[in-house]
Amino acid sequence: MFGAPEWEWTGDNRFDDPGPGLFRVIYCASSRAGAFGETIARFRKSLGLLSQLREIEDDEPLDPDLEGGLLPEEWRLNRRIGASRLDESLRFANLESPLAATLLRGEMAPLLAELGLDDLDFSDLMGRERRVTQNAARCVYEATDEAGASVFDGIRYGSRLNLGWELWAVFADRMAHEPEDLYRTISRDDPDLREAAEILDINVE
């Protein structure tokens, strides 16, 4: 569960290697609710569909099923959730640190100019522009000290869905951890799944 993803499954997530094939990332969360929230967010109601449905003039209330926002049973049955304790020796770049943003602003200046950005702030580092977030991850991965040793083993950041969810992007080749609870099935009534679903306005099938 905490092994490195296959190379063909990399490249789409926030802090994946922008390519070609330098590093892989294992995504973790400090809480189970955060882990669920990050993975079920794609099942939220479509804003485009919600907007269209709101334009329909009808005396009858809208059928909630038409709006989407349903986590299918198949999703739960095909997945497991586990827990592990990251080694205390691991060092993480904190993207909520003003110093980190300042350093990355200088390192990424050519790319930012190419993208038409006149600055770099927290919203960019946590945003949806993958060329920014993934290149930030590469800068962190390639950072070395005066002796040429790697400085960081991953990235700590807050979820853009809920700032209370603390997340970790660990570079797979630097991962050090002690598994505690692996491969548990996901119940429909799992309280942490329910918490995440309620926050994101998703119904659990």
C-alpha atoms as a PDB file:
ATOM      1  CA  MET A   1       0.000   0.000   0.000  1.00  0.00           C
ATOM      2  CA  PHE A   2       2.870   2.369   0.772  1.00  0.00           C
ATOM      3  CA  GLY A   3       5.014   1.218  -2.132  1.00  0.00           C
ATOM      4  CA  ALA A   4       6.006   3.477  -4.996  1.00  0.00           C
ATOM      5  CA  PRO A   5       3.363   3.794  -7.718  1.00  0.00           C
ATOM      6  CA  GLU A   6       4.132   2.369 -11.124  1.00  0.00           C
ATOM      7  CA  TRP A   7       5.686   4.939 -13.446  1.00  0.00           C
ATOM      8  CA  GLU A   8       2.699   4.819 -15.797  1.00  0.00           C
ATOM      9  CA  TRP A   9       0.458   6.020 -12.956  1.00  0.00           C
ATOM     10  CA  THR A  10       2.537   9.100 -12.217  1.00  0.00           C
ATOM     11  CA  GLY A  11       2.346  12.618 -13.606  1.00  0.00           C
ATOM     12  CA  ASP A  12      -1.229  13.665 -12.820  1.00  0.00           C
ATOM     13  CA  ASN A  13      -1.066  14.495  -9.124  1.00  0.00           C
ATOM     14  CA  ARG A  14      -0.094  17.796  -7.522  1.00  0.00           C
ATOM     15  CA  PHE A  15       3.504  17.083  -6.578  1.00  0.00           C
ATOM     16  CA  ASP A  16       4.363  14.360  -9.091  1.00  0.00           C
ATOM     17  CA  ASP A  17       7.565  14.614 -11.106  1.00  0.00           C
ATOM     18  CA  PRO A  18       6.920  16.830 -14.148  1.00  0.00           C
ATOM     19  CA  GLY A  19       9.132  14.387 -16.069  1.00  0.00           C
ATOM     20  CA  PRO A  20      11.008  12.614 -17.309  1.00  0.00           C
ATOM     21  CA  GLY A  21      11.065   9.937 -14.589  1.00  0.00           C
ATOM     22  CA  LEU A  22      13.238  11.420 -11.839  1.00  0.00           C
ATOM     23  CA  PHE A  23      11.124  10.598  -8.778  1.00  0.00           C
ATOM     24  CA  ARG A  24       7.855   9.102  -7.616  1.00  0.00           C
ATOM     25  CA  VAL A  25       5.660  10.298  -4.758  1.00  0.00           C
ATOM     26  CA  ILE A  26       3.695   8.516  -2.039  1.00  0.00           C
ATOM     27  CA  TYR A  27       0.826  10.676  -0.767  1.00  0.00           C
ATOM     28  CA  CYS A  28      -0.156  10.425   2.904  1.00  0.00           C
ATOM     29  CA  ALA A  29      -2.426  12.263   5.325  1.00  0.00           C
ATOM     30  CA  SER A  30      -2.161  12.819   9.069  1.00  0.00           C
ATOM     31  CA  SER A  31      -5.822  11.889   9.496  1.00  0.00           C
ATOM     32  CA  ARG A  32      -8.019   9.243   7.921  1.00  0.00           C
ATOM     33  CA  ALA A  33     -10.609  11.907   7.096  1.00  0.00           C
ATOM     34  CA  GLY A  34      -7.970  13.833   5.159  1.00  0.00           C
ATOM     35  CA  ALA A  35      -6.959  10.729   3.230  1.00  0.00           C
ATOM     36  CA  PHE A  36     -10.571  10.040   2.327  1.00  0.00           C
ATOM     37  CA  GLY A  37     -11.269  13.669   1.448  1.00  0.00           C
ATOM     38  CA  GLU A  38      -8.387  13.923  -0.983  1.00  0.00           C
ATOM     39  CA  THR A  39      -9.432  10.767  -2.824  1.00  0.00           C
ATOM     40  CA  ILE A  40     -13.211  11.215  -3.000  1.00  0.00           C
ATOM     41  CA  ALA A  41     -13.220  14.894  -3.960  1.00  0.00           C
ATOM     42  CA  ARG A  42     -13.640  13.992  -7.630  1.00  0.00           C
ATOM     43  CA  PHE A  43     -17.134  12.725  -6.829  1.00  0.00           C
ATOM     44  CA  ARG A  44     -18.401  16.137  -5.774  1.00  0.00           C
ATOM     45  CA  LYS A  45     -21.326  17.649  -7.602  1.00  0.00           C
ATOM     46  CA  SER A  46     -20.418  19.201 -10.936  1.00  0.00           C
ATOM     47  CA  LEU A  47     -20.569  22.987 -10.828  1.00  0.00           C
ATOM     48  CA  GLY A  48     -21.546  23.105 -14.493  1.00  0.00           C
ATOM     49  CA  LEU A  49     -24.429  20.683 -13.979  1.00  0.00           C
ATOM     50  CA  LEU A  50     -25.549  22.444 -10.801  1.00  0.00           C
ATOM     51  CA  SER A  51     -25.629  25.730 -12.655  1.00  0.00           C
ATOM     52  CA  GLN A  52     -27.737  24.282 -15.471  1.00  0.00           C
ATOM     53  CA  LEU A  53     -30.153  22.599 -13.069  1.00  0.00           C
ATOM     54  CA  ARG A  54     -30.657  25.858 -11.189  1.00  0.00           C
ATOM     55  CA  GLU A  55     -31.854  27.469 -14.421  1.00  0.00           C
ATOM     56  CA  ILE A  56     -34.692  24.969 -14.808  1.00  0.00           C
ATOM     57  CA  GLU A  57     -38.025  26.513 -13.894  1.00  0.00           C
ATOM     58  CA  ASP A  58     -40.180  23.863 -12.276  1.00  0.00           C
ATOM     59  CA  ASP A  59     -42.587  23.884  -9.357  1.00  0.00           C
ATOM     60  CA  GLU A  60     -41.306  20.486  -8.253  1.00  0.00           C
ATOM     61  CA  PRO A  61     -38.035  20.358  -6.266  1.00  0.00           C
ATOM     62  CA  LEU A  62     -35.018  18.973  -8.079  1.00  0.00           C
ATOM     63  CA  ASP A  63     -34.264  15.282  -7.692  1.00  0.00           C
ATOM     64  CA  PRO A  64     -31.040  15.189  -5.624  1.00  0.00           C
ATOM     65  CA  ASP A  65     -29.782  12.258  -7.706  1.00  0.00           C
ATOM     66  CA  LEU A  66     -29.677  14.513 -10.767  1.00  0.00           C
ATOM     67  CA  GLU A  67     -27.086  16.713  -9.100  1.00  0.00           C
ATOM     68  CA  GLY A  68     -24.546  13.920  -8.687  1.00  0.00           C
ATOM     69  CA  GLY A  69     -22.303  13.919  -5.659  1.00  0.00           C
ATOM     70  CA  LEU A  70     -22.497  10.172  -5.030  1.00  0.00           C
ATOM     71  CA  LEU A  71     -19.591   7.972  -3.910  1.00  0.00           C
ATOM     72  CA  PRO A  72     -20.298   4.603  -5.541  1.00  0.00           C
ATOM     73  CA  GLU A  73     -20.107   1.380  -3.565  1.00  0.00           C
ATOM     74  CA  GLU A  74     -17.598   0.039  -6.075  1.00  0.00           C
ATOM     75  CA  TRP A  75     -15.105   2.701  -5.005  1.00  0.00           C
ATOM     76  CA  ARG A  76     -15.128   1.417  -1.421  1.00  0.00           C
ATOM     77  CA  LEU A  77     -15.014  -2.255  -2.337  1.00  0.00           C
ATOM     78  CA  ASN A  78     -11.991  -1.833  -4.584  1.00  0.00           C
ATOM     79  CA  ARG A  79      -9.890   0.077  -2.053  1.00  0.00           C
ATOM     80  CA  ARG A  80      -8.258  -0.377   1.336  1.00  0.00           C
ATOM     81  CA  ILE A  81      -7.011   2.110   3.895  1.00  0.00           C
ATOM     82  CA  GLY A  82      -3.979   1.658   6.113  1.00  0.00           C
ATOM     83  CA  ALA A  83      -1.773   3.536   8.529  1.00  0.00           C
ATOM     84  CA  SER A  84       1.953   3.890   8.953  1.00  0.00           C
ATOM     85  CA  ARG A  85       4.285   6.013  11.080  1.00  0.00           C
ATOM     86  CA  LEU A  86       6.781   8.083   9.123  1.00  0.00           C
ATOM     87  CA  ASP A  87      10.334   7.947  10.454  1.00  0.00           C
ATOM     88  CA  GLU A  88      11.199  10.980  12.556  1.00  0.00           C
ATOM     89  CA  SER A  89      14.415  11.430  10.597  1.00  0.00           C
ATOM     90  CA  LEU A  90      12.520  12.422   7.452  1.00  0.00           C
ATOM     91  CA  ARG A  91      12.782  16.095   6.524  1.00  0.00           C
ATOM     92  CA  PHE A  92       9.926  17.905   4.825  1.00  0.00           C
ATOM     93  CA  ALA A  93       9.715  21.195   3.003  1.00  0.00           C
ATOM     94  CA  ASN A  94       6.772  23.074   4.488  1.00  0.00           C
ATOM     95  CA  LEU A  95       4.926  24.833   1.680  1.00  0.00           C
ATOM     96  CA  GLU A  96       3.068  26.945   4.225  1.00  0.00           C
ATOM     97  CA  SER A  97       6.357  28.565   5.204  1.00  0.00           C
ATOM     98  CA  PRO A  98       6.993  32.069   3.799  1.00  0.00           C
ATOM     99  CA  LEU A  99      10.684  31.161   3.407  1.00  0.00           C
ATOM    100  CA  ALA A 100       9.809  28.169   1.209  1.00  0.00           C
ATOM    101  CA  ALA A 101       7.658  30.350  -1.046  1.00  0.00           C
ATOM    102  CA  THR A 102      10.434  32.939  -1.314  1.00  0.00           C
ATOM    103  CA  LEU A 103      13.084  30.363  -2.209  1.00  0.00           C
ATOM    104  CA  LEU A 104      10.859  28.671  -4.781  1.00  0.00           C
ATOM    105  CA  ARG A 105       9.958  32.063  -6.251  1.00  0.00           C
ATOM    106  CA  GLY A 106      13.611  32.571  -7.159  1.00  0.00           C
ATOM    107  CA  GLU A 107      14.234  29.008  -8.341  1.00  0.00           C
ATOM    108  CA  MET A 108      11.159  28.934 -10.552  1.00  0.00           C
ATOM    109  CA  ALA A 109      11.390  32.468 -11.976  1.00  0.00           C
ATOM    110  CA  PRO A 110      11.902  31.360 -15.634  1.00  0.00           C
ATOM    111  CA  LEU A 111       8.907  29.002 -15.551  1.00  0.00           C
ATOM    112  CA  LEU A 112       6.694  31.545 -13.804  1.00  0.00           C
ATOM    113  CA  ALA A 113       7.542  34.148 -16.425  1.00  0.00           C
ATOM    114  CA  GLU A 114       6.789  31.647 -19.178  1.00  0.00           C
ATOM    115  CA  LEU A 115       3.373  30.991 -17.636  1.00  0.00           C
ATOM    116  CA  GLY A 116       2.641  34.696 -17.446  1.00  0.00           C
ATOM    117  CA  LEU A 117       2.729  34.832 -13.653  1.00  0.00           C
ATOM    118  CA  ASP A 118       4.193  37.979 -12.129  1.00  0.00           C
ATOM    119  CA  ASP A 119       4.602  36.450  -8.688  1.00  0.00           C
ATOM    120  CA  LEU A 120       4.411  33.239  -6.655  1.00  0.00           C
ATOM    121  CA  ASP A 121       2.374  32.842  -3.471  1.00  0.00           C
ATOM    122  CA  PHE A 122       0.693  30.130  -1.435  1.00  0.00           C
ATOM    123  CA  SER A 123      -2.311  30.008  -3.741  1.00  0.00           C
ATOM    124  CA  ASP A 124      -0.006  29.123  -6.650  1.00  0.00           C
ATOM    125  CA  LEU A 125       1.862  26.445  -4.706  1.00  0.00           C
ATOM    126  CA  MET A 126      -1.446  24.869  -3.693  1.00  0.00           C
ATOM    127  CA  GLY A 127      -3.305  25.632  -6.921  1.00  0.00           C
ATOM    128  CA  ARG A 128      -4.441  23.596  -9.887  1.00  0.00           C
ATOM    129  CA  GLU A 129      -1.665  24.586 -12.292  1.00  0.00           C
ATOM    130  CA  ARG A 130       0.323  21.370 -12.311  1.00  0.00           C
ATOM    131  CA  ARG A 131       3.312  22.930 -14.057  1.00  0.00           C
ATOM    132  CA  VAL A 132       3.771  25.127 -11.004  1.00  0.00           C
ATOM    133  CA  THR A 133       3.164  22.570  -8.260  1.00  0.00           C
ATOM    134  CA  GLN A 134       5.074  19.758  -9.939  1.00  0.00           C
ATOM    135  CA  ASN A 135       8.080  21.919 -10.730  1.00  0.00           C
ATOM    136  CA  ALA A 136       8.038  23.135  -7.128  1.00  0.00           C
ATOM    137  CA  ALA A 137       8.230  19.481  -6.076  1.00  0.00           C
ATOM    138  CA  ARG A 138      11.173  18.923  -8.411  1.00  0.00           C
ATOM    139  CA  CYS A 139      12.986  21.914  -6.889  1.00  0.00           C
ATOM    140  CA  VAL A 140      12.425  20.437  -3.434  1.00  0.00           C
ATOM    141  CA  TYR A 141      13.580  16.985  -4.572  1.00  0.00           C
ATOM    142  CA  GLU A 142      16.761  18.350  -6.145  1.00  0.00           C
ATOM    143  CA  ALA A 143      17.687  20.656  -3.230  1.00  0.00           C
ATOM    144  CA  THR A 144      21.099  19.745  -1.767  1.00  0.00           C
ATOM    145  CA  ASP A 145      23.325  21.023   1.033  1.00  0.00           C
ATOM    146  CA  GLU A 146      26.930  22.166   0.729  1.00  0.00           C
ATOM    147  CA  ALA A 147      28.101  18.556   0.811  1.00  0.00           C
ATOM    148  CA  GLY A 148      25.786  17.621  -2.048  1.00  0.00           C
ATOM    149  CA  ALA A 149      23.390  15.606   0.112  1.00  0.00           C
ATOM    150  CA  SER A 150      19.637  15.820  -0.394  1.00  0.00           C
ATOM    151  CA  VAL A 151      17.967  18.298   1.943  1.00  0.00           C
ATOM    152  CA  PHE A 152      14.365  17.092   1.851  1.00  0.00           C
ATOM    153  CA  ASP A 153      12.555  13.761   1.792  1.00  0.00           C
ATOM    154  CA  GLY A 154       9.182  15.190   0.866  1.00  0.00           C
ATOM    155  CA  ILE A 155       6.692  18.029   1.167  1.00  0.00           C
ATOM    156  CA  ARG A 156       4.251  18.953   3.930  1.00  0.00           C
ATOM    157  CA  TYR A 157       1.164  20.922   2.900  1.00  0.00           C
ATOM    158  CA  GLY A 158      -2.438  21.637   3.796  1.00  0.00           C
ATOM    159  CA  SER A 159      -5.316  20.388   1.698  1.00  0.00           C
ATOM    160  CA  ARG A 160      -6.897  22.996  -0.561  1.00  0.00           C
ATOM    161  CA  LEU A 161     -10.230  21.324   0.271  1.00  0.00           C
ATOM    162  CA  ASN A 162      -9.893  21.725   4.028  1.00  0.00           C
ATOM    163  CA  LEU A 163      -6.974  23.519   5.668  1.00  0.00           C
ATOM    164  CA  GLY A 164      -7.475  21.267   8.688  1.00  0.00           C
ATOM    165  CA  TRP A 165      -6.282  18.252   6.673  1.00  0.00           C
ATOM    166  CA  GLU A 166      -2.499  17.945   6.938  1.00  0.00           C
ATOM    167  CA  LEU A 167      -0.942  16.139   3.975  1.00  0.00           C
ATOM    168  CA  TRP A 168       2.449  14.724   3.082  1.00  0.00           C
ATOM    169  CA  ALA A 169       4.033  14.021  -0.296  1.00  0.00           C
ATOM    170  CA  VAL A 170       6.928  11.648   0.397  1.00  0.00           C
ATOM    171  CA  PHE A 171       9.563  10.966  -2.255  1.00  0.00           C
ATOM    172  CA  ALA A 172       9.329   7.211  -2.744  1.00  0.00           C
ATOM    173  CA  ASP A 173      13.084   6.603  -2.913  1.00  0.00           C
ATOM    174  CA  ARG A 174      13.492   8.351   0.464  1.00  0.00           C
ATOM    175  CA  MET A 175      10.475   6.817   2.205  1.00  0.00           C
ATOM    176  CA  ALA A 176      11.173   5.452   5.695  1.00  0.00           C
ATOM    177  CA  HIS A 177       8.230   4.294   7.780  1.00  0.00           C
ATOM    178  CA  GLU A 178       6.821   1.651  10.093  1.00  0.00           C
ATOM    179  CA  PRO A 179       3.468   0.174   8.994  1.00  0.00           C
ATOM    180  CA  GLU A 180       0.870   0.050  11.758  1.00  0.00           C
ATOM    181  CA  ASP A 181      -2.471  -0.905  10.226  1.00  0.00           C
ATOM    182  CA  LEU A 182      -2.597  -2.114   6.633  1.00  0.00           C
ATOM    183  CA  TYR A 183      -5.257  -3.158   4.160  1.00  0.00           C
ATOM    184  CA  ARG A 184      -8.402  -2.467   6.170  1.00  0.00           C
ATOM    185  CA  THR A 185     -11.635  -2.608   4.189  1.00  0.00           C
ATOM    186  CA  ILE A 186     -13.682   0.575   3.983  1.00  0.00           C
ATOM    187  CA  SER A 187     -17.124   0.418   5.544  1.00  0.00           C
ATOM    188  CA  ARG A 188     -19.998   2.559   4.336  1.00  0.00           C
ATOM    189  CA  ASP A 189     -20.400   3.732   7.927  1.00  0.00           C
ATOM    190  CA  ASP A 190     -16.737   4.518   8.504  1.00  0.00           C
ATOM    191  CA  PRO A 191     -16.910   7.711  10.629  1.00  0.00           C
ATOM    192  CA  ASP A 192     -13.911   9.322   8.926  1.00  0.00           C
ATOM    193  CA  LEU A 193     -15.305   8.589   5.481  1.00  0.00           C
ATOM    194  CA  ARG A 194     -18.602  10.064   6.599  1.00  0.00           C
ATOM    195  CA  GLU A 195     -16.869  13.154   7.951  1.00  0.00           C
ATOM    196  CA  ALA A 196     -15.030  13.778   4.694  1.00  0.00           C
ATOM    197  CA  ALA A 197     -18.152  13.107   2.620  1.00  0.00           C
ATOM    198  CA  GLU A 198     -20.207  15.529   4.692  1.00  0.00           C
ATOM    199  CA  ILE A 199     -17.616  18.280   4.306  1.00  0.00           C
ATOM    200  CA  LEU A 200     -17.531  17.766   0.541  1.00  0.00           C
ATOM    201  CA  ASP A 201     -21.319  17.304   0.206  1.00  0.00           C
ATOM    202  CA  ILE A 202     -21.003  13.755  -1.133  1.00  0.00           C
ATOM    203  CA  ASN A 203     -23.453  10.926  -0.476  1.00  0.00           C
ATOM    204  CA  VAL A 204     -21.995   7.483   0.267  1.00  0.00           C
ATOM    205  CA  GLU A 205     -23.613   4.574  -1.548  1.00  0.00           C
END
